[in-house]
Amino acid sequence: MPRPPKITDEMLREIEELAADGTTIPSIEALIGVSDGLLRHYWAKGSNQKGIGLKVFHALKKGYARFEQTCLQIIWAAAYGHKHPQGEYQPQWTAAMRMLEARFPEWARIEKTMQIEPVNIVISKKLLPKNEDND
């Protein structure tokens, strides 16, 4: 008789839901009561496995995709603006910039490459009012 699977269908649903909330794999392992490293092992092997390992991988992948979508919806709402009591929408450019940086990493470097050169301001003594200190 084959050994019963360590992960049940109910556990697969719970794995997906916890991943959809953004829970880390080690925390999911603790919450569903499987040995440390089991889910990480299935996750690391990816889609190059069969049976329960592949099911666990897909449950985690689907859950994390749902988590990503939730986060993106929140960021999009912030980027496009929220309604103020005055009735106007106020877009948040910082949320839009973070999305741009996350999707296109080359945008993250712009901030670091843009440097403002120091400006030397010279004030001629001729323009200052005459007093004992600046003679």
N, C-alpha and C. Protein backbone atom coordinates (compact mmCIF):
# COMPACT_ATOMS: atom_id res chain seq x y z
N MET A 1 0.85 -1.17 0.00
CA MET A 1 0.00 0.00 0.00
C MET A 1 0.90 1.25 0.00
N PRO A 2 0.59 2.26 -0.87
CA PRO A 2 1.45 3.46 -0.92
C PRO A 2 1.31 4.30 0.34
N ARG A 3 2.38 5.01 0.61
CA ARG A 3 2.41 5.90 1.76
C ARG A 3 1.44 7.07 1.54
N PRO A 4 0.65 7.46 2.54
CA PRO A 4 -0.28 8.58 2.34
C PRO A 4 0.51 9.88 2.16
N PRO A 5 -0.02 10.80 1.36
CA PRO A 5 0.70 12.06 1.12
C PRO A 5 0.79 12.89 2.40
N LYS A 6 1.90 13.61 2.54
CA LYS A 6 2.08 14.47 3.71
C LYS A 6 1.18 15.70 3.60
N ILE A 7 0.84 16.07 2.40
CA ILE A 7 0.04 17.27 2.15
C ILE A 7 -1.32 16.84 1.60
N THR A 8 -2.39 17.24 2.28
CA THR A 8 -3.74 16.91 1.84
C THR A 8 -4.27 18.02 0.94
N ASP A 9 -5.42 17.76 0.28
CA ASP A 9 -6.05 18.79 -0.56
C ASP A 9 -6.44 20.02 0.27
N GLU A 10 -6.90 19.79 1.50
CA GLU A 10 -7.25 20.90 2.39
C GLU A 10 -6.01 21.73 2.71
N MET A 11 -4.89 21.07 2.93
CA MET A 11 -3.64 21.78 3.20
C MET A 11 -3.19 22.59 1.98
N LEU A 12 -3.41 22.05 0.79
CA LEU A 12 -3.07 22.79 -0.44
C LEU A 12 -3.87 24.08 -0.53
N ARG A 13 -5.15 24.02 -0.19
CA ARG A 13 -5.99 25.23 -0.21
C ARG A 13 -5.49 26.23 0.84
N GLU A 14 -5.11 25.71 2.01
CA GLU A 14 -4.59 26.59 3.06
C GLU A 14 -3.26 27.21 2.66
N ILE A 15 -2.40 26.44 2.01
CA ILE A 15 -1.12 26.95 1.51
C ILE A 15 -1.36 28.10 0.56
N GLU A 16 -2.29 27.92 -0.37
CA GLU A 16 -2.58 28.98 -1.34
C GLU A 16 -3.13 30.23 -0.65
N GLU A 17 -4.03 30.06 0.30
CA GLU A 17 -4.61 31.21 1.00
C GLU A 17 -3.56 31.96 1.82
N LEU A 18 -2.71 31.23 2.50
CA LEU A 18 -1.67 31.88 3.29
C LEU A 18 -0.68 32.62 2.39
N ALA A 19 -0.32 32.01 1.27
CA ALA A 19 0.57 32.67 0.31
C ALA A 19 -0.10 33.92 -0.25
N ALA A 20 -1.41 33.85 -0.48
CA ALA A 20 -2.16 35.00 -1.00
C ALA A 20 -2.18 36.16 -0.02
N ASP A 21 -1.96 35.86 1.26
CA ASP A 21 -1.87 36.91 2.28
C ASP A 21 -0.44 37.43 2.43
N GLY A 22 0.51 36.81 1.69
CA GLY A 22 1.90 37.25 1.75
C GLY A 22 2.72 36.53 2.81
N THR A 23 2.19 35.47 3.38
CA THR A 23 2.90 34.72 4.41
C THR A 23 4.13 34.04 3.82
N THR A 24 5.24 34.06 4.53
CA THR A 24 6.47 33.44 4.03
C THR A 24 6.35 31.92 4.07
N ILE A 25 7.16 31.24 3.28
CA ILE A 25 7.12 29.78 3.23
C ILE A 25 7.45 29.16 4.60
N PRO A 26 8.49 29.62 5.31
CA PRO A 26 8.73 29.04 6.64
C PRO A 26 7.54 29.21 7.59
N SER A 27 6.86 30.33 7.52
CA SER A 27 5.69 30.55 8.36
C SER A 27 4.53 29.65 7.94
N ILE A 28 4.35 29.46 6.64
CA ILE A 28 3.31 28.54 6.16
C ILE A 28 3.58 27.14 6.68
N GLU A 29 4.84 26.72 6.62
CA GLU A 29 5.21 25.39 7.12
C GLU A 29 4.81 25.24 8.59
N ALA A 30 5.10 26.26 9.38
CA ALA A 30 4.76 26.21 10.81
C ALA A 30 3.25 26.22 11.03
N LEU A 31 2.55 27.03 10.26
CA LEU A 31 1.10 27.16 10.45
C LEU A 31 0.32 25.90 10.04
N ILE A 32 0.78 25.23 8.99
CA ILE A 32 0.03 24.03 8.56
C ILE A 32 0.58 22.75 9.19
N GLY A 33 1.70 22.87 9.89
CA GLY A 33 2.22 21.75 10.64
C GLY A 33 3.00 20.72 9.85
N VAL A 34 3.79 21.18 8.88
CA VAL A 34 4.68 20.25 8.17
C VAL A 34 6.12 20.52 8.59
N SER A 35 6.98 19.59 8.29
CA SER A 35 8.36 19.73 8.72
C SER A 35 9.03 20.94 8.06
N ASP A 36 9.98 21.51 8.80
CA ASP A 36 10.74 22.65 8.28
C ASP A 36 11.45 22.25 6.99
N GLY A 37 11.31 23.06 5.99
CA GLY A 37 12.01 22.83 4.73
C GLY A 37 11.22 22.05 3.69
N LEU A 38 10.10 21.42 4.08
CA LEU A 38 9.35 20.62 3.11
C LEU A 38 8.81 21.48 1.97
N LEU A 39 8.10 22.55 2.31
CA LEU A 39 7.54 23.41 1.27
C LEU A 39 8.64 24.15 0.52
N ARG A 40 9.70 24.54 1.21
CA ARG A 40 10.83 25.20 0.54
C ARG A 40 11.48 24.25 -0.47
N HIS A 41 11.53 22.97 -0.12
CA HIS A 41 12.07 21.98 -1.04
C HIS A 41 11.22 21.90 -2.31
N TYR A 42 9.90 21.80 -2.12
CA TYR A 42 9.00 21.76 -3.29
C TYR A 42 9.08 23.04 -4.10
N TRP A 43 9.18 24.18 -3.42
CA TRP A 43 9.27 25.47 -4.11
C TRP A 43 10.55 25.56 -4.92
N ALA A 44 11.67 25.11 -4.35
CA ALA A 44 12.96 25.19 -5.03
C ALA A 44 13.01 24.31 -6.26
N LYS A 45 12.34 23.18 -6.22
CA LYS A 45 12.34 22.27 -7.37
C LYS A 45 11.48 22.81 -8.51
N GLY A 46 10.57 23.71 -8.21
CA GLY A 46 9.76 24.34 -9.24
C GLY A 46 8.85 23.38 -9.97
N SER A 47 8.68 23.63 -11.25
CA SER A 47 7.77 22.80 -12.04
C SER A 47 8.44 21.53 -12.55
N ASN A 48 9.68 21.29 -12.15
CA ASN A 48 10.41 20.08 -12.56
C ASN A 48 10.18 18.93 -11.58
N GLN A 49 8.94 18.69 -11.23
CA GLN A 49 8.60 17.62 -10.31
C GLN A 49 7.22 17.08 -10.63
N LYS A 50 6.85 16.01 -9.99
CA LYS A 50 5.55 15.39 -10.22
C LYS A 50 4.81 15.24 -8.90
N GLY A 51 3.56 14.88 -9.00
CA GLY A 51 2.78 14.55 -7.81
C GLY A 51 2.54 15.72 -6.89
N ILE A 52 2.64 15.41 -5.60
CA ILE A 52 2.32 16.40 -4.58
C ILE A 52 3.26 17.61 -4.61
N GLY A 53 4.51 17.37 -4.95
CA GLY A 53 5.47 18.47 -5.04
C GLY A 53 5.03 19.51 -6.05
N LEU A 54 4.56 19.05 -7.21
CA LEU A 54 4.08 19.98 -8.24
C LEU A 54 2.82 20.70 -7.78
N LYS A 55 1.95 19.99 -7.07
CA LYS A 55 0.72 20.63 -6.55
C LYS A 55 1.06 21.71 -5.52
N VAL A 56 2.02 21.43 -4.66
CA VAL A 56 2.44 22.42 -3.66
C VAL A 56 3.05 23.64 -4.36
N PHE A 57 3.91 23.38 -5.34
CA PHE A 57 4.53 24.47 -6.09
C PHE A 57 3.47 25.37 -6.72
N HIS A 58 2.47 24.77 -7.36
CA HIS A 58 1.43 25.56 -8.03
C HIS A 58 0.54 26.30 -7.01
N ALA A 59 0.29 25.69 -5.85
CA ALA A 59 -0.50 26.37 -4.82
C ALA A 59 0.24 27.60 -4.32
N LEU A 60 1.54 27.46 -4.07
CA LEU A 60 2.35 28.60 -3.63
C LEU A 60 2.42 29.67 -4.71
N LYS A 61 2.66 29.24 -5.94
CA LYS A 61 2.79 30.18 -7.05
C LYS A 61 1.49 30.96 -7.27
N LYS A 62 0.37 30.26 -7.24
CA LYS A 62 -0.92 30.92 -7.42
C LYS A 62 -1.21 31.88 -6.26
N GLY A 63 -0.92 31.43 -5.05
CA GLY A 63 -1.14 32.29 -3.88
C GLY A 63 -0.30 33.55 -3.93
N TYR A 64 0.97 33.40 -4.27
CA TYR A 64 1.85 34.58 -4.35
C TYR A 64 1.46 35.49 -5.52
N ALA A 65 0.93 34.94 -6.58
CA ALA A 65 0.44 35.77 -7.69
C ALA A 65 -0.77 36.59 -7.22
N ARG A 66 -1.64 35.99 -6.42
CA ARG A 66 -2.79 36.72 -5.88
C ARG A 66 -2.32 37.83 -4.93
N PHE A 67 -1.31 37.53 -4.12
CA PHE A 67 -0.76 38.53 -3.21
C PHE A 67 -0.19 39.71 -4.00
N GLU A 68 0.53 39.40 -5.07
CA GLU A 68 1.11 40.44 -5.92
C GLU A 68 0.00 41.32 -6.50
N GLN A 69 -1.08 40.70 -6.95
CA GLN A 69 -2.19 41.47 -7.52
C GLN A 69 -2.83 42.38 -6.48
N THR A 70 -2.99 41.89 -5.27
CA THR A 70 -3.56 42.71 -4.20
C THR A 70 -2.68 43.93 -3.94
N CYS A 71 -1.38 43.70 -3.84
CA CYS A 71 -0.45 44.81 -3.60
C CYS A 71 -0.47 45.81 -4.75
N LEU A 72 -0.49 45.29 -5.98
CA LEU A 72 -0.53 46.19 -7.14
C LEU A 72 -1.80 47.02 -7.17
N GLN A 73 -2.92 46.44 -6.79
CA GLN A 73 -4.17 47.20 -6.76
C GLN A 73 -4.09 48.35 -5.77
N ILE A 74 -3.47 48.10 -4.62
CA ILE A 74 -3.32 49.14 -3.61
C ILE A 74 -2.39 50.24 -4.13
N ILE A 75 -1.28 49.84 -4.75
CA ILE A 75 -0.33 50.81 -5.28
C ILE A 75 -0.95 51.60 -6.42
N TRP A 76 -1.69 50.92 -7.30
CA TRP A 76 -2.35 51.64 -8.40
C TRP A 76 -3.34 52.67 -7.86
N ALA A 77 -4.09 52.28 -6.83
CA ALA A 77 -5.04 53.22 -6.24
C ALA A 77 -4.31 54.45 -5.69
N ALA A 78 -3.17 54.21 -5.05
CA ALA A 78 -2.39 55.34 -4.53
C ALA A 78 -1.80 56.17 -5.67
N ALA A 79 -1.32 55.49 -6.71
CA ALA A 79 -0.70 56.21 -7.83
C ALA A 79 -1.71 57.06 -8.57
N TYR A 80 -2.91 56.56 -8.74
CA TYR A 80 -3.93 57.32 -9.47
C TYR A 80 -4.65 58.33 -8.60
N GLY A 81 -4.51 58.18 -7.32
CA GLY A 81 -5.06 59.18 -6.42
C GLY A 81 -6.28 58.69 -5.67
N HIS A 82 -6.48 59.32 -4.56
CA HIS A 82 -7.64 59.02 -3.74
C HIS A 82 -8.43 60.30 -3.57
N LYS A 83 -9.70 60.14 -3.30
CA LYS A 83 -10.56 61.30 -3.22
C LYS A 83 -10.40 62.01 -1.86
N HIS A 84 -10.13 63.29 -1.94
CA HIS A 84 -10.00 64.11 -0.73
C HIS A 84 -11.38 64.63 -0.35
N PRO A 85 -11.52 65.12 0.87
CA PRO A 85 -12.82 65.68 1.28
C PRO A 85 -13.31 66.80 0.35
N GLN A 86 -12.37 67.51 -0.29
CA GLN A 86 -12.76 68.59 -1.20
C GLN A 86 -13.30 68.03 -2.52
N GLY A 87 -13.21 66.72 -2.71
CA GLY A 87 -13.76 66.11 -3.92
C GLY A 87 -12.76 65.91 -5.03
N GLU A 88 -11.50 66.29 -4.85
CA GLU A 88 -10.50 66.16 -5.90
C GLU A 88 -9.68 64.89 -5.68
N TYR A 89 -9.25 64.29 -6.78
CA TYR A 89 -8.36 63.14 -6.70
C TYR A 89 -6.92 63.64 -6.64
N GLN A 90 -6.16 63.09 -5.73
CA GLN A 90 -4.77 63.50 -5.55
C GLN A 90 -3.84 62.34 -5.87
N PRO A 91 -3.27 62.31 -7.07
CA PRO A 91 -2.34 61.21 -7.38
C PRO A 91 -1.07 61.29 -6.55
N GLN A 92 -0.52 60.13 -6.25
CA GLN A 92 0.71 60.04 -5.47
C GLN A 92 1.83 59.61 -6.40
N TRP A 93 2.68 60.54 -6.78
CA TRP A 93 3.74 60.22 -7.74
C TRP A 93 4.71 59.20 -7.17
N THR A 94 4.89 59.16 -5.84
CA THR A 94 5.85 58.21 -5.25
C THR A 94 5.41 56.77 -5.47
N ALA A 95 4.11 56.52 -5.38
CA ALA A 95 3.61 55.16 -5.62
C ALA A 95 3.83 54.78 -7.09
N ALA A 96 3.58 55.72 -7.99
CA ALA A 96 3.80 55.45 -9.42
C ALA A 96 5.28 55.19 -9.70
N MET A 97 6.16 55.95 -9.05
CA MET A 97 7.59 55.78 -9.26
C MET A 97 8.06 54.42 -8.74
N ARG A 98 7.56 53.99 -7.60
CA ARG A 98 7.94 52.69 -7.06
C ARG A 98 7.51 51.57 -8.00
N MET A 99 6.32 51.72 -8.58
CA MET A 99 5.85 50.70 -9.55
C MET A 99 6.76 50.69 -10.77
N LEU A 100 7.14 51.86 -11.24
CA LEU A 100 8.01 51.97 -12.39
C LEU A 100 9.37 51.33 -12.10
N GLU A 101 9.91 51.61 -10.92
CA GLU A 101 11.20 51.03 -10.52
C GLU A 101 11.12 49.51 -10.40
N ALA A 102 10.01 49.02 -9.87
CA ALA A 102 9.86 47.57 -9.69
C ALA A 102 9.74 46.85 -11.04
N ARG A 103 9.03 47.45 -11.96
CA ARG A 103 8.82 46.80 -13.26
C ARG A 103 9.99 47.01 -14.20
N PHE A 104 10.60 48.19 -14.14
CA PHE A 104 11.72 48.53 -15.00
C PHE A 104 12.89 48.98 -14.12
N PRO A 105 13.76 48.05 -13.71
CA PRO A 105 14.83 48.36 -12.76
C PRO A 105 15.74 49.50 -13.19
N GLU A 106 15.84 49.75 -14.48
CA GLU A 106 16.72 50.85 -14.91
C GLU A 106 16.24 52.20 -14.39
N TRP A 107 14.96 52.33 -14.07
CA TRP A 107 14.45 53.58 -13.50
C TRP A 107 14.94 53.79 -12.08
N ALA A 108 15.27 52.74 -11.39
CA ALA A 108 15.72 52.87 -10.00
C ALA A 108 17.08 53.54 -9.93
N ARG A 109 17.84 53.49 -10.99
CA ARG A 109 19.19 54.07 -10.99
C ARG A 109 19.20 55.56 -11.28
N ILE A 110 18.11 56.09 -11.80
CA ILE A 110 18.07 57.51 -12.15
C ILE A 110 18.35 58.38 -10.94
N GLU A 111 17.74 58.05 -9.83
CA GLU A 111 17.92 58.81 -8.60
C GLU A 111 19.39 58.87 -8.19
N LYS A 112 20.07 57.76 -8.34
CA LYS A 112 21.46 57.69 -7.91
C LYS A 112 22.41 58.41 -8.88
N THR A 113 22.04 58.48 -10.15
CA THR A 113 22.93 59.10 -11.12
C THR A 113 22.72 60.61 -11.22
N MET A 114 21.57 61.08 -10.81
CA MET A 114 21.32 62.51 -10.87
C MET A 114 21.92 63.17 -9.65
N GLN A 115 22.95 63.94 -9.85
CA GLN A 115 23.59 64.63 -8.74
C GLN A 115 23.59 66.12 -9.01
N ILE A 116 23.31 66.84 -7.99
CA ILE A 116 23.31 68.29 -8.12
C ILE A 116 24.69 68.78 -7.72
N GLU A 117 25.32 69.50 -8.64
CA GLU A 117 26.65 70.04 -8.37
C GLU A 117 26.53 71.21 -7.39
N PRO A 118 27.46 71.32 -6.46
CA PRO A 118 27.42 72.45 -5.54
C PRO A 118 27.61 73.77 -6.29
N VAL A 119 26.93 74.77 -5.84
CA VAL A 119 27.01 76.08 -6.47
C VAL A 119 27.75 77.02 -5.53
N ASN A 120 28.77 77.66 -6.06
CA ASN A 120 29.51 78.65 -5.27
C ASN A 120 28.91 80.02 -5.54
N ILE A 121 28.51 80.67 -4.47
CA ILE A 121 27.94 82.00 -4.60
C ILE A 121 28.99 83.00 -4.08
N VAL A 122 29.36 83.90 -4.94
CA VAL A 122 30.35 84.91 -4.56
C VAL A 122 29.62 86.23 -4.41
N ILE A 123 29.79 86.81 -3.27
CA ILE A 123 29.18 88.12 -3.01
C ILE A 123 30.31 89.14 -2.96
N SER A 124 30.17 90.08 -3.81
CA SER A 124 31.19 91.12 -3.86
C SER A 124 31.03 92.05 -2.66
N LYS A 125 32.16 92.46 -2.11
CA LYS A 125 32.12 93.40 -0.99
C LYS A 125 31.51 94.73 -1.42
N LYS A 126 31.58 95.01 -2.69
CA LYS A 126 31.04 96.27 -3.18
C LYS A 126 29.53 96.33 -2.99
N LEU A 127 28.86 95.16 -2.98
CA LEU A 127 27.41 95.14 -2.86
C LEU A 127 26.93 95.13 -1.42
N LEU A 128 27.82 94.78 -0.51
CA LEU A 128 27.42 94.73 0.89
C LEU A 128 27.41 96.13 1.49
N PRO A 129 26.52 96.37 2.44
CA PRO A 129 26.53 97.69 3.09
C PRO A 129 27.86 97.88 3.85
N LYS A 130 28.32 99.06 3.86
CA LYS A 130 29.61 99.35 4.48
C LYS A 130 29.47 99.36 6.00
N ASN A 131 30.30 98.55 6.63
CA ASN A 131 30.38 98.58 8.09
C ASN A 131 31.78 98.11 8.46
N GLU A 132 32.05 98.00 9.72
CA GLU A 132 33.38 97.68 10.17
C GLU A 132 33.80 96.25 9.86
N ASP A 133 32.84 95.31 9.80
CA ASP A 133 33.16 93.91 9.60
C ASP A 133 33.60 93.56 8.18
N ASN A 134 33.10 94.24 7.17
CA ASN A 134 33.43 93.85 5.81
C ASN A 134 34.29 94.87 5.08
N ASP A 135 34.96 95.72 5.77
CA ASP A 135 35.86 96.67 5.11
C ASP A 135 37.07 96.01 4.56
